[in-house]
mmCIF file of all heavy atoms, coordinates in Angstrom:
data_MODEL
# 
_entry.id   MODEL 
# 
loop_
_atom_site.group_PDB 
_atom_site.id 
_atom_site.type_symbol 
_atom_site.label_atom_id 
_atom_site.label_alt_id 
_atom_site.label_comp_id 
_atom_site.label_asym_id 
_atom_site.label_entity_id 
_atom_site.label_seq_id 
_atom_site.pdbx_PDB_ins_code 
_atom_site.Cartn_x 
_atom_site.Cartn_y 
_atom_site.Cartn_z 
_atom_site.occupancy 
_atom_site.B_iso_or_equiv 
_atom_site.pdbx_formal_charge 
_atom_site.auth_seq_id 
_atom_site.auth_comp_id 
_atom_site.auth_asym_id 
_atom_site.auth_atom_id 
_atom_site.pdbx_PDB_model_num 
ATOM 1   N N   . GLU A 1 1  ? -8.772  4.579   19.734 1.00 0.00 ? 1  GLU A N   1 
ATOM 2   C CA  . GLU A 1 1  ? -7.724  4.012   20.522 1.00 0.00 ? 1  GLU A CA  1 
ATOM 3   C C   . GLU A 1 1  ? -7.548  2.485   20.144 1.00 0.00 ? 1  GLU A C   1 
ATOM 4   O O   . GLU A 1 1  ? -6.427  1.966   19.986 1.00 0.00 ? 1  GLU A O   1 
ATOM 5   C CB  . GLU A 1 1  ? -7.843  4.113   22.078 1.00 0.00 ? 1  GLU A CB  1 
ATOM 6   C CG  . GLU A 1 1  ? -6.641  3.537   22.858 1.00 0.00 ? 1  GLU A CG  1 
ATOM 7   C CD  . GLU A 1 1  ? -7.018  3.513   24.352 1.00 0.00 ? 1  GLU A CD  1 
ATOM 8   O OE1 . GLU A 1 1  ? -7.670  4.374   24.815 1.00 0.00 ? 1  GLU A OE1 1 
ATOM 9   O OE2 . GLU A 1 1  ? -6.498  2.527   24.947 1.00 0.00 ? 1  GLU A OE2 1 
ATOM 10  N N   . LEU A 1 2  ? -8.679  1.753   20.101 1.00 0.00 ? 2  LEU A N   1 
ATOM 11  C CA  . LEU A 1 2  ? -8.575  0.353   19.815 1.00 0.00 ? 2  LEU A CA  1 
ATOM 12  C C   . LEU A 1 2  ? -7.918  0.162   18.381 1.00 0.00 ? 2  LEU A C   1 
ATOM 13  O O   . LEU A 1 2  ? -7.045  -0.715  18.287 1.00 0.00 ? 2  LEU A O   1 
ATOM 14  C CB  . LEU A 1 2  ? -10.013 -0.310  19.797 1.00 0.00 ? 2  LEU A CB  1 
ATOM 15  C CG  . LEU A 1 2  ? -10.081 -1.705  19.442 1.00 0.00 ? 2  LEU A CG  1 
ATOM 16  C CD1 . LEU A 1 2  ? -9.565  -2.501  20.658 1.00 0.00 ? 2  LEU A CD1 1 
ATOM 17  C CD2 . LEU A 1 2  ? -11.483 -2.178  19.011 1.00 0.00 ? 2  LEU A CD2 1 
ATOM 18  N N   . PHE A 1 3  ? -8.300  0.983   17.419 1.00 0.00 ? 3  PHE A N   1 
ATOM 19  C CA  . PHE A 1 3  ? -7.734  0.759   16.087 1.00 0.00 ? 3  PHE A CA  1 
ATOM 20  C C   . PHE A 1 3  ? -6.234  1.218   16.073 1.00 0.00 ? 3  PHE A C   1 
ATOM 21  O O   . PHE A 1 3  ? -5.434  0.597   15.365 1.00 0.00 ? 3  PHE A O   1 
ATOM 22  C CB  . PHE A 1 3  ? -8.532  1.636   15.055 1.00 0.00 ? 3  PHE A CB  1 
ATOM 23  C CG  . PHE A 1 3  ? -9.945  1.104   14.755 1.00 0.00 ? 3  PHE A CG  1 
ATOM 24  C CD1 . PHE A 1 3  ? -10.948 1.987   14.442 1.00 0.00 ? 3  PHE A CD1 1 
ATOM 25  C CD2 . PHE A 1 3  ? -10.209 -0.263  14.911 1.00 0.00 ? 3  PHE A CD2 1 
ATOM 26  C CE1 . PHE A 1 3  ? -12.224 1.513   14.269 1.00 0.00 ? 3  PHE A CE1 1 
ATOM 27  C CE2 . PHE A 1 3  ? -11.505 -0.692  14.712 1.00 0.00 ? 3  PHE A CE2 1 
ATOM 28  C CZ  . PHE A 1 3  ? -12.440 0.085   14.384 1.00 0.00 ? 3  PHE A CZ  1 
ATOM 29  N N   . ARG A 1 4  ? -5.883  2.171   16.862 1.00 0.00 ? 4  ARG A N   1 
ATOM 30  C CA  . ARG A 1 4  ? -4.416  2.563   16.942 1.00 0.00 ? 4  ARG A CA  1 
ATOM 31  C C   . ARG A 1 4  ? -3.649  1.396   17.596 1.00 0.00 ? 4  ARG A C   1 
ATOM 32  O O   . ARG A 1 4  ? -2.597  1.133   17.084 1.00 0.00 ? 4  ARG A O   1 
ATOM 33  C CB  . ARG A 1 4  ? -4.294  3.842   17.777 1.00 0.00 ? 4  ARG A CB  1 
ATOM 34  C CG  . ARG A 1 4  ? -2.885  4.264   17.906 1.00 0.00 ? 4  ARG A CG  1 
ATOM 35  C CD  . ARG A 1 4  ? -2.662  5.589   18.699 1.00 0.00 ? 4  ARG A CD  1 
ATOM 36  N NE  . ARG A 1 4  ? -3.177  6.706   17.969 1.00 0.00 ? 4  ARG A NE  1 
ATOM 37  C CZ  . ARG A 1 4  ? -2.942  7.961   18.317 1.00 0.00 ? 4  ARG A CZ  1 
ATOM 38  N NH1 . ARG A 1 4  ? -2.130  8.251   19.372 1.00 0.00 ? 4  ARG A NH1 1 
ATOM 39  N NH2 . ARG A 1 4  ? -3.409  8.969   17.682 1.00 0.00 ? 4  ARG A NH2 1 
ATOM 40  N N   . ILE A 1 5  ? -4.165  0.834   18.653 1.00 0.00 ? 5  ILE A N   1 
ATOM 41  C CA  . ILE A 1 5  ? -3.438  -0.271  19.299 1.00 0.00 ? 5  ILE A CA  1 
ATOM 42  C C   . ILE A 1 5  ? -3.317  -1.357  18.379 1.00 0.00 ? 5  ILE A C   1 
ATOM 43  O O   . ILE A 1 5  ? -2.255  -2.029  18.214 1.00 0.00 ? 5  ILE A O   1 
ATOM 44  C CB  . ILE A 1 5  ? -4.154  -0.641  20.670 1.00 0.00 ? 5  ILE A CB  1 
ATOM 45  C CG1 . ILE A 1 5  ? -4.064  0.419   21.686 1.00 0.00 ? 5  ILE A CG1 1 
ATOM 46  C CG2 . ILE A 1 5  ? -3.590  -2.037  21.149 1.00 0.00 ? 5  ILE A CG2 1 
ATOM 47  C CD1 . ILE A 1 5  ? -4.896  0.130   22.952 1.00 0.00 ? 5  ILE A CD1 1 
ATOM 48  N N   . GLU A 1 6  ? -4.362  -1.741  17.641 1.00 0.00 ? 6  GLU A N   1 
ATOM 49  C CA  . GLU A 1 6  ? -4.309  -2.830  16.648 1.00 0.00 ? 6  GLU A CA  1 
ATOM 50  C C   . GLU A 1 6  ? -3.291  -2.575  15.609 1.00 0.00 ? 6  GLU A C   1 
ATOM 51  O O   . GLU A 1 6  ? -2.511  -3.467  15.197 1.00 0.00 ? 6  GLU A O   1 
ATOM 52  C CB  . GLU A 1 6  ? -5.744  -2.967  16.019 1.00 0.00 ? 6  GLU A CB  1 
ATOM 53  C CG  . GLU A 1 6  ? -5.793  -4.109  15.033 1.00 0.00 ? 6  GLU A CG  1 
ATOM 54  C CD  . GLU A 1 6  ? -7.149  -4.278  14.385 1.00 0.00 ? 6  GLU A CD  1 
ATOM 55  O OE1 . GLU A 1 6  ? -7.810  -3.166  14.249 1.00 0.00 ? 6  GLU A OE1 1 
ATOM 56  O OE2 . GLU A 1 6  ? -7.590  -5.300  14.061 1.00 0.00 ? 6  GLU A OE2 1 
ATOM 57  N N   . ALA A 1 7  ? -3.215  -1.397  15.054 1.00 0.00 ? 7  ALA A N   1 
ATOM 58  C CA  . ALA A 1 7  ? -2.265  -1.085  13.993 1.00 0.00 ? 7  ALA A CA  1 
ATOM 59  C C   . ALA A 1 7  ? -0.795  -1.119  14.453 1.00 0.00 ? 7  ALA A C   1 
ATOM 60  O O   . ALA A 1 7  ? 0.071   -1.692  13.794 1.00 0.00 ? 7  ALA A O   1 
ATOM 61  C CB  . ALA A 1 7  ? -2.519  0.377   13.464 1.00 0.00 ? 7  ALA A CB  1 
ATOM 62  N N   . ILE A 1 8  ? -0.550  -0.653  15.757 1.00 0.00 ? 8  ILE A N   1 
ATOM 63  C CA  . ILE A 1 8  ? 0.817   -0.678  16.270 1.00 0.00 ? 8  ILE A CA  1 
ATOM 64  C C   . ILE A 1 8  ? 1.211   -2.141  16.559 1.00 0.00 ? 8  ILE A C   1 
ATOM 65  O O   . ILE A 1 8  ? 2.304   -2.571  16.318 1.00 0.00 ? 8  ILE A O   1 
ATOM 66  C CB  . ILE A 1 8  ? 0.934   0.189   17.486 1.00 0.00 ? 8  ILE A CB  1 
ATOM 67  C CG1 . ILE A 1 8  ? 0.731   1.719   17.104 1.00 0.00 ? 8  ILE A CG1 1 
ATOM 68  C CG2 . ILE A 1 8  ? 2.268   0.004   18.169 1.00 0.00 ? 8  ILE A CG2 1 
ATOM 69  C CD1 . ILE A 1 8  ? 0.698   2.584   18.249 1.00 0.00 ? 8  ILE A CD1 1 
ATOM 70  N N   . ALA A 1 9  ? 0.204   -2.883  17.055 1.00 0.00 ? 9  ALA A N   1 
ATOM 71  C CA  . ALA A 1 9  ? 0.521   -4.405  17.337 1.00 0.00 ? 9  ALA A CA  1 
ATOM 72  C C   . ALA A 1 9  ? 0.805   -5.017  16.046 1.00 0.00 ? 9  ALA A C   1 
ATOM 73  O O   . ALA A 1 9  ? 1.778   -5.827  16.055 1.00 0.00 ? 9  ALA A O   1 
ATOM 74  C CB  . ALA A 1 9  ? -0.658  -4.962  17.981 1.00 0.00 ? 9  ALA A CB  1 
ATOM 75  N N   . LYS A 1 10 ? 0.116   -4.772  14.951 1.00 0.00 ? 10 LYS A N   1 
ATOM 76  C CA  . LYS A 1 10 ? 0.388   -5.368  13.691 1.00 0.00 ? 10 LYS A CA  1 
ATOM 77  C C   . LYS A 1 10 ? 1.803   -5.049  13.147 1.00 0.00 ? 10 LYS A C   1 
ATOM 78  O O   . LYS A 1 10 ? 2.493   -5.875  12.720 1.00 0.00 ? 10 LYS A O   1 
ATOM 79  C CB  . LYS A 1 10 ? -0.654  -4.918  12.668 1.00 0.00 ? 10 LYS A CB  1 
ATOM 80  C CG  . LYS A 1 10 ? -0.432  -5.517  11.249 1.00 0.00 ? 10 LYS A CG  1 
ATOM 81  C CD  . LYS A 1 10 ? -1.544  -5.025  10.279 1.00 0.00 ? 10 LYS A CD  1 
ATOM 82  C CE  . LYS A 1 10 ? -1.399  -5.609  8.921  1.00 0.00 ? 10 LYS A CE  1 
ATOM 83  N NZ  . LYS A 1 10 ? -2.435  -5.050  7.940  1.00 0.00 ? 10 LYS A NZ  1 
ATOM 84  N N   . ASN A 1 11 ? 2.222   -3.788  13.271 1.00 0.00 ? 11 ASN A N   1 
ATOM 85  C CA  . ASN A 1 11 ? 3.518   -3.440  12.883 1.00 0.00 ? 11 ASN A CA  1 
ATOM 86  C C   . ASN A 1 11 ? 4.615   -4.052  13.713 1.00 0.00 ? 11 ASN A C   1 
ATOM 87  O O   . ASN A 1 11 ? 5.727   -4.317  13.148 1.00 0.00 ? 11 ASN A O   1 
ATOM 88  C CB  . ASN A 1 11 ? 3.656   -1.850  12.952 1.00 0.00 ? 11 ASN A CB  1 
ATOM 89  C CG  . ASN A 1 11 ? 2.901   -1.090  11.874 1.00 0.00 ? 11 ASN A CG  1 
ATOM 90  O OD1 . ASN A 1 11 ? 2.548   -1.714  10.856 1.00 0.00 ? 11 ASN A OD1 1 
ATOM 91  N ND2 . ASN A 1 11 ? 2.618   0.157   12.130 1.00 0.00 ? 11 ASN A ND2 1 
ATOM 92  N N   . LEU A 1 12 ? 4.386   -4.348  14.886 1.00 0.00 ? 12 LEU A N   1 
ATOM 93  C CA  . LEU A 1 12 ? 5.324   -5.004  15.805 1.00 0.00 ? 12 LEU A CA  1 
ATOM 94  C C   . LEU A 1 12 ? 5.232   -6.481  15.741 1.00 0.00 ? 12 LEU A C   1 
ATOM 95  O O   . LEU A 1 12 ? 6.005   -7.181  16.462 1.00 0.00 ? 12 LEU A O   1 
ATOM 96  C CB  . LEU A 1 12 ? 5.177   -4.442  17.208 1.00 0.00 ? 12 LEU A CB  1 
ATOM 97  C CG  . LEU A 1 12 ? 5.463   -3.022  17.489 1.00 0.00 ? 12 LEU A CG  1 
ATOM 98  C CD1 . LEU A 1 12 ? 5.121   -2.660  18.933 1.00 0.00 ? 12 LEU A CD1 1 
ATOM 99  C CD2 . LEU A 1 12 ? 6.908   -2.625  17.189 1.00 0.00 ? 12 LEU A CD2 1 
ATOM 100 N N   . HIS A 1 13 ? 4.300   -7.052  14.960 1.00 0.00 ? 13 HIS A N   1 
ATOM 101 C CA  . HIS A 1 13 ? 4.016   -8.492  14.983 1.00 0.00 ? 13 HIS A CA  1 
ATOM 102 C C   . HIS A 1 13 ? 3.688   -8.965  16.356 1.00 0.00 ? 13 HIS A C   1 
ATOM 103 O O   . HIS A 1 13 ? 4.216   -10.001 16.835 1.00 0.00 ? 13 HIS A O   1 
ATOM 104 C CB  . HIS A 1 13 ? 5.209   -9.274  14.415 1.00 0.00 ? 13 HIS A CB  1 
ATOM 105 C CG  . HIS A 1 13 ? 5.637   -8.717  13.078 1.00 0.00 ? 13 HIS A CG  1 
ATOM 106 N ND1 . HIS A 1 13 ? 4.897   -8.959  11.944 1.00 0.00 ? 13 HIS A ND1 1 
ATOM 107 C CD2 . HIS A 1 13 ? 6.732   -8.041  12.687 1.00 0.00 ? 13 HIS A CD2 1 
ATOM 108 C CE1 . HIS A 1 13 ? 5.518   -8.406  10.857 1.00 0.00 ? 13 HIS A CE1 1 
ATOM 109 N NE2 . HIS A 1 13 ? 6.606   -7.894  11.286 1.00 0.00 ? 13 HIS A NE2 1 
ATOM 110 N N   . LYS A 1 14 ? 2.920   -8.162  17.140 1.00 0.00 ? 14 LYS A N   1 
ATOM 111 C CA  . LYS A 1 14 ? 2.433   -8.514  18.510 1.00 0.00 ? 14 LYS A CA  1 
ATOM 112 C C   . LYS A 1 14 ? 0.907   -8.757  18.539 1.00 0.00 ? 14 LYS A C   1 
ATOM 113 O O   . LYS A 1 14 ? 0.203   -8.347  17.626 1.00 0.00 ? 14 LYS A O   1 
ATOM 114 C CB  . LYS A 1 14 ? 2.824   -7.351  19.407 1.00 0.00 ? 14 LYS A CB  1 
ATOM 115 C CG  . LYS A 1 14 ? 4.273   -7.186  19.661 1.00 0.00 ? 14 LYS A CG  1 
ATOM 116 C CD  . LYS A 1 14 ? 4.746   -8.101  20.749 1.00 0.00 ? 14 LYS A CD  1 
ATOM 117 C CE  . LYS A 1 14 ? 6.151   -7.829  21.225 1.00 0.00 ? 14 LYS A CE  1 
ATOM 118 N NZ  . LYS A 1 14 ? 6.562   -8.665  22.386 1.00 0.00 ? 14 LYS A NZ  1 
ATOM 119 N N   . MET A 1 15 ? 0.500   -9.366  19.604 1.00 0.00 ? 15 MET A N   1 
ATOM 120 C CA  . MET A 1 15 ? -0.947  -9.467  20.005 1.00 0.00 ? 15 MET A CA  1 
ATOM 121 C C   . MET A 1 15 ? -1.220  -8.596  21.177 1.00 0.00 ? 15 MET A C   1 
ATOM 122 O O   . MET A 1 15 ? -0.541  -8.726  22.245 1.00 0.00 ? 15 MET A O   1 
ATOM 123 C CB  . MET A 1 15 ? -1.209  -10.932 20.359 1.00 0.00 ? 15 MET A CB  1 
ATOM 124 C CG  . MET A 1 15 ? -2.605  -11.224 20.740 1.00 0.00 ? 15 MET A CG  1 
ATOM 125 S SD  . MET A 1 15 ? -3.859  -11.349 19.426 1.00 0.00 ? 15 MET A SD  1 
ATOM 126 C CE  . MET A 1 15 ? -3.368  -12.999 18.773 1.00 0.00 ? 15 MET A CE  1 
ATOM 127 N N   . ALA A 1 16 ? -2.024  -7.626  21.045 1.00 0.00 ? 16 ALA A N   1 
ATOM 128 C CA  . ALA A 1 16 ? -2.320  -6.751  22.155 1.00 0.00 ? 16 ALA A CA  1 
ATOM 129 C C   . ALA A 1 16 ? -3.546  -7.245  22.922 1.00 0.00 ? 16 ALA A C   1 
ATOM 130 O O   . ALA A 1 16 ? -4.594  -7.559  22.378 1.00 0.00 ? 16 ALA A O   1 
ATOM 131 C CB  . ALA A 1 16 ? -2.746  -5.385  21.579 1.00 0.00 ? 16 ALA A CB  1 
ATOM 132 N N   . ILE A 1 17 ? -3.304  -7.415  24.196 1.00 0.00 ? 17 ILE A N   1 
ATOM 133 C CA  . ILE A 1 17 ? -4.372  -7.967  25.106 1.00 0.00 ? 17 ILE A CA  1 
ATOM 134 C C   . ILE A 1 17 ? -5.210  -6.744  25.609 1.00 0.00 ? 17 ILE A C   1 
ATOM 135 O O   . ILE A 1 17 ? -4.663  -5.706  26.054 1.00 0.00 ? 17 ILE A O   1 
ATOM 136 C CB  . ILE A 1 17 ? -3.754  -8.637  26.308 1.00 0.00 ? 17 ILE A CB  1 
ATOM 137 C CG1 . ILE A 1 17 ? -2.919  -9.841  25.868 1.00 0.00 ? 17 ILE A CG1 1 
ATOM 138 C CG2 . ILE A 1 17 ? -4.882  -9.146  27.288 1.00 0.00 ? 17 ILE A CG2 1 
ATOM 139 C CD1 . ILE A 1 17 ? -2.115  -10.491 26.950 1.00 0.00 ? 17 ILE A CD1 1 
ATOM 140 N N   . ILE A 1 18 ? -6.509  -6.808  25.357 1.00 0.00 ? 18 ILE A N   1 
ATOM 141 C CA  . ILE A 1 18 ? -7.380  -5.654  25.677 1.00 0.00 ? 18 ILE A CA  1 
ATOM 142 C C   . ILE A 1 18 ? -8.600  -5.996  26.479 1.00 0.00 ? 18 ILE A C   1 
ATOM 143 O O   . ILE A 1 18 ? -9.066  -7.104  26.534 1.00 0.00 ? 18 ILE A O   1 
ATOM 144 C CB  . ILE A 1 18 ? -7.796  -4.995  24.300 1.00 0.00 ? 18 ILE A CB  1 
ATOM 145 C CG1 . ILE A 1 18 ? -8.640  -5.885  23.473 1.00 0.00 ? 18 ILE A CG1 1 
ATOM 146 C CG2 . ILE A 1 18 ? -6.585  -4.449  23.587 1.00 0.00 ? 18 ILE A CG2 1 
ATOM 147 C CD1 . ILE A 1 18 ? -10.065 -5.619  23.425 1.00 0.00 ? 18 ILE A CD1 1 
ATOM 148 N N   . ALA A 1 19 ? -9.051  -4.956  27.214 1.00 0.00 ? 19 ALA A N   1 
ATOM 149 C CA  . ALA A 1 19 ? -10.425 -4.898  27.769 1.00 0.00 ? 19 ALA A CA  1 
ATOM 150 C C   . ALA A 1 19 ? -10.988 -3.528  27.425 1.00 0.00 ? 19 ALA A C   1 
ATOM 151 O O   . ALA A 1 19 ? -10.232 -2.561  27.263 1.00 0.00 ? 19 ALA A O   1 
ATOM 152 C CB  . ALA A 1 19 ? -10.385 -5.089  29.310 1.00 0.00 ? 19 ALA A CB  1 
ATOM 153 N N   . LEU A 1 20 ? -12.254 -3.462  27.228 1.00 0.00 ? 20 LEU A N   1 
ATOM 154 C CA  . LEU A 1 20 ? -12.906 -2.297  26.950 1.00 0.00 ? 20 LEU A CA  1 
ATOM 155 C C   . LEU A 1 20 ? -13.470 -1.607  28.183 1.00 0.00 ? 20 LEU A C   1 
ATOM 156 O O   . LEU A 1 20 ? -14.083 -2.270  29.004 1.00 0.00 ? 20 LEU A O   1 
ATOM 157 C CB  . LEU A 1 20 ? -13.973 -2.383  25.879 1.00 0.00 ? 20 LEU A CB  1 
ATOM 158 C CG  . LEU A 1 20 ? -13.614 -3.024  24.561 1.00 0.00 ? 20 LEU A CG  1 
ATOM 159 C CD1 . LEU A 1 20 ? -14.786 -2.913  23.594 1.00 0.00 ? 20 LEU A CD1 1 
ATOM 160 C CD2 . LEU A 1 20 ? -12.418 -2.257  23.896 1.00 0.00 ? 20 LEU A CD2 1 
ATOM 161 N N   . ARG A 1 21 ? -13.156 -0.329  28.359 1.00 0.00 ? 21 ARG A N   1 
ATOM 162 C CA  . ARG A 1 21 ? -13.663 0.416   29.466 1.00 0.00 ? 21 ARG A CA  1 
ATOM 163 C C   . ARG A 1 21 ? -15.034 0.985   29.239 1.00 0.00 ? 21 ARG A C   1 
ATOM 164 O O   . ARG A 1 21 ? -15.313 1.854   28.357 1.00 0.00 ? 21 ARG A O   1 
ATOM 165 C CB  . ARG A 1 21 ? -12.628 1.551   29.889 1.00 0.00 ? 21 ARG A CB  1 
ATOM 166 C CG  . ARG A 1 21 ? -13.198 2.406   31.107 1.00 0.00 ? 21 ARG A CG  1 
ATOM 167 C CD  . ARG A 1 21 ? -12.168 3.391   31.515 1.00 0.00 ? 21 ARG A CD  1 
ATOM 168 N NE  . ARG A 1 21 ? -12.668 4.238   32.602 1.00 0.00 ? 21 ARG A NE  1 
ATOM 169 C CZ  . ARG A 1 21 ? -12.002 5.181   33.200 1.00 0.00 ? 21 ARG A CZ  1 
ATOM 170 N NH1 . ARG A 1 21 ? -10.686 5.325   32.910 1.00 0.00 ? 21 ARG A NH1 1 
ATOM 171 N NH2 . ARG A 1 21 ? -12.587 5.912   34.089 1.00 0.00 ? 21 ARG A NH2 1 
ATOM 172 N N   . ILE A 1 22 ? -16.016 0.501   30.064 1.00 0.00 ? 22 ILE A N   1 
ATOM 173 C CA  . ILE A 1 22 ? -17.327 0.879   29.898 1.00 0.00 ? 22 ILE A CA  1 
ATOM 174 C C   . ILE A 1 22 ? -17.671 2.047   30.825 1.00 0.00 ? 22 ILE A C   1 
ATOM 175 O O   . ILE A 1 22 ? -17.198 2.110   31.987 1.00 0.00 ? 22 ILE A O   1 
ATOM 176 C CB  . ILE A 1 22 ? -18.307 -0.197  30.279 1.00 0.00 ? 22 ILE A CB  1 
ATOM 177 C CG1 . ILE A 1 22 ? -17.945 -1.503  29.448 1.00 0.00 ? 22 ILE A CG1 1 
ATOM 178 C CG2 . ILE A 1 22 ? -19.717 0.241   30.067 1.00 0.00 ? 22 ILE A CG2 1 
ATOM 179 C CD1 . ILE A 1 22 ? -17.988 -1.237  27.982 1.00 0.00 ? 22 ILE A CD1 1 
ATOM 180 N N   . ASN A 1 23 ? -18.289 3.105   30.307 1.00 0.00 ? 23 ASN A N   1 
ATOM 181 C CA  . ASN A 1 23 ? -18.793 4.210   31.150 1.00 0.00 ? 23 ASN A CA  1 
ATOM 182 C C   . ASN A 1 23 ? -20.247 3.996   31.491 1.00 0.00 ? 23 ASN A C   1 
ATOM 183 O O   . ASN A 1 23 ? -21.089 4.141   30.625 1.00 0.00 ? 23 ASN A O   1 
ATOM 184 C CB  . ASN A 1 23 ? -18.600 5.494   30.353 1.00 0.00 ? 23 ASN A CB  1 
ATOM 185 C CG  . ASN A 1 23 ? -19.038 6.720   31.198 1.00 0.00 ? 23 ASN A CG  1 
ATOM 186 O OD1 . ASN A 1 23 ? -19.933 6.728   32.027 1.00 0.00 ? 23 ASN A OD1 1 
ATOM 187 N ND2 . ASN A 1 23 ? -18.332 7.873   31.006 1.00 0.00 ? 23 ASN A ND2 1 
ATOM 188 N N   . PRO A 1 24 ? -20.557 3.550   32.719 1.00 0.00 ? 24 PRO A N   1 
ATOM 189 C CA  . PRO A 1 24 ? -21.923 3.169   32.998 1.00 0.00 ? 24 PRO A CA  1 
ATOM 190 C C   . PRO A 1 24 ? -22.875 4.264   33.260 1.00 0.00 ? 24 PRO A C   1 
ATOM 191 O O   . PRO A 1 24 ? -24.083 3.930   33.627 1.00 0.00 ? 24 PRO A O   1 
ATOM 192 C CB  . PRO A 1 24 ? -21.718 2.259   34.267 1.00 0.00 ? 24 PRO A CB  1 
ATOM 193 C CG  . PRO A 1 24 ? -20.478 2.828   34.907 1.00 0.00 ? 24 PRO A CG  1 
ATOM 194 C CD  . PRO A 1 24 ? -19.667 3.339   33.829 1.00 0.00 ? 24 PRO A CD  1 
ATOM 195 N N   . ASN A 1 25 ? -22.448 5.454   33.228 1.00 0.00 ? 25 ASN A N   1 
ATOM 196 C CA  . ASN A 1 25 ? -23.326 6.612   33.530 1.00 0.00 ? 25 ASN A CA  1 
ATOM 197 C C   . ASN A 1 25 ? -23.928 6.540   34.907 1.00 0.00 ? 25 ASN A C   1 
ATOM 198 O O   . ASN A 1 25 ? -25.131 6.619   35.079 1.00 0.00 ? 25 ASN A O   1 
ATOM 199 C CB  . ASN A 1 25 ? -24.412 6.802   32.464 1.00 0.00 ? 25 ASN A CB  1 
ATOM 200 C CG  . ASN A 1 25 ? -25.073 8.156   32.566 1.00 0.00 ? 25 ASN A CG  1 
ATOM 201 O OD1 . ASN A 1 25 ? -24.433 9.155   32.915 1.00 0.00 ? 25 ASN A OD1 1 
ATOM 202 N ND2 . ASN A 1 25 ? -26.388 8.192   32.209 1.00 0.00 ? 25 ASN A ND2 1 
ATOM 203 N N   . ILE A 1 26 ? -23.048 6.298   35.914 1.00 0.00 ? 26 ILE A N   1 
ATOM 204 C CA  . ILE A 1 26 ? -23.472 6.158   37.322 1.00 0.00 ? 26 ILE A CA  1 
ATOM 205 C C   . ILE A 1 26 ? -22.885 7.328   38.109 1.00 0.00 ? 26 ILE A C   1 
ATOM 206 O O   . ILE A 1 26 ? -21.711 7.559   38.013 1.00 0.00 ? 26 ILE A O   1 
ATOM 207 C CB  . ILE A 1 26 ? -23.013 4.836   37.917 1.00 0.00 ? 26 ILE A CB  1 
ATOM 208 C CG1 . ILE A 1 26 ? -23.804 3.651   37.242 1.00 0.00 ? 26 ILE A CG1 1 
ATOM 209 C CG2 . ILE A 1 26 ? -23.304 4.794   39.428 1.00 0.00 ? 26 ILE A CG2 1 
ATOM 210 C CD1 . ILE A 1 26 ? -23.241 2.328   37.618 1.00 0.00 ? 26 ILE A CD1 1 
ATOM 211 N N   . ASP A 1 27 ? -23.794 8.022   38.877 1.00 0.00 ? 27 ASP A N   1 
ATOM 212 C CA  . ASP A 1 27 ? -23.282 9.160   39.697 1.00 0.00 ? 27 ASP A CA  1 
ATOM 213 C C   . ASP A 1 27 ? -22.694 8.582   40.987 1.00 0.00 ? 27 ASP A C   1 
ATOM 214 O O   . ASP A 1 27 ? -23.411 8.071   41.770 1.00 0.00 ? 27 ASP A O   1 
ATOM 215 C CB  . ASP A 1 27 ? -24.489 10.112  39.973 1.00 0.00 ? 27 ASP A CB  1 
ATOM 216 C CG  . ASP A 1 27 ? -23.980 11.338  40.687 1.00 0.00 ? 27 ASP A CG  1 
ATOM 217 O OD1 . ASP A 1 27 ? -22.755 11.502  40.996 1.00 0.00 ? 27 ASP A OD1 1 
ATOM 218 O OD2 . ASP A 1 27 ? -24.773 12.257  40.881 1.00 0.00 ? 27 ASP A OD2 1 
# 
């Protein structure tokens, strides 16, 4: 997903603001 967002942002001449979603493995 990160690489897809980056590629689409490049095509649109945009900067994509991102945060990565961490899965902490907490029940």
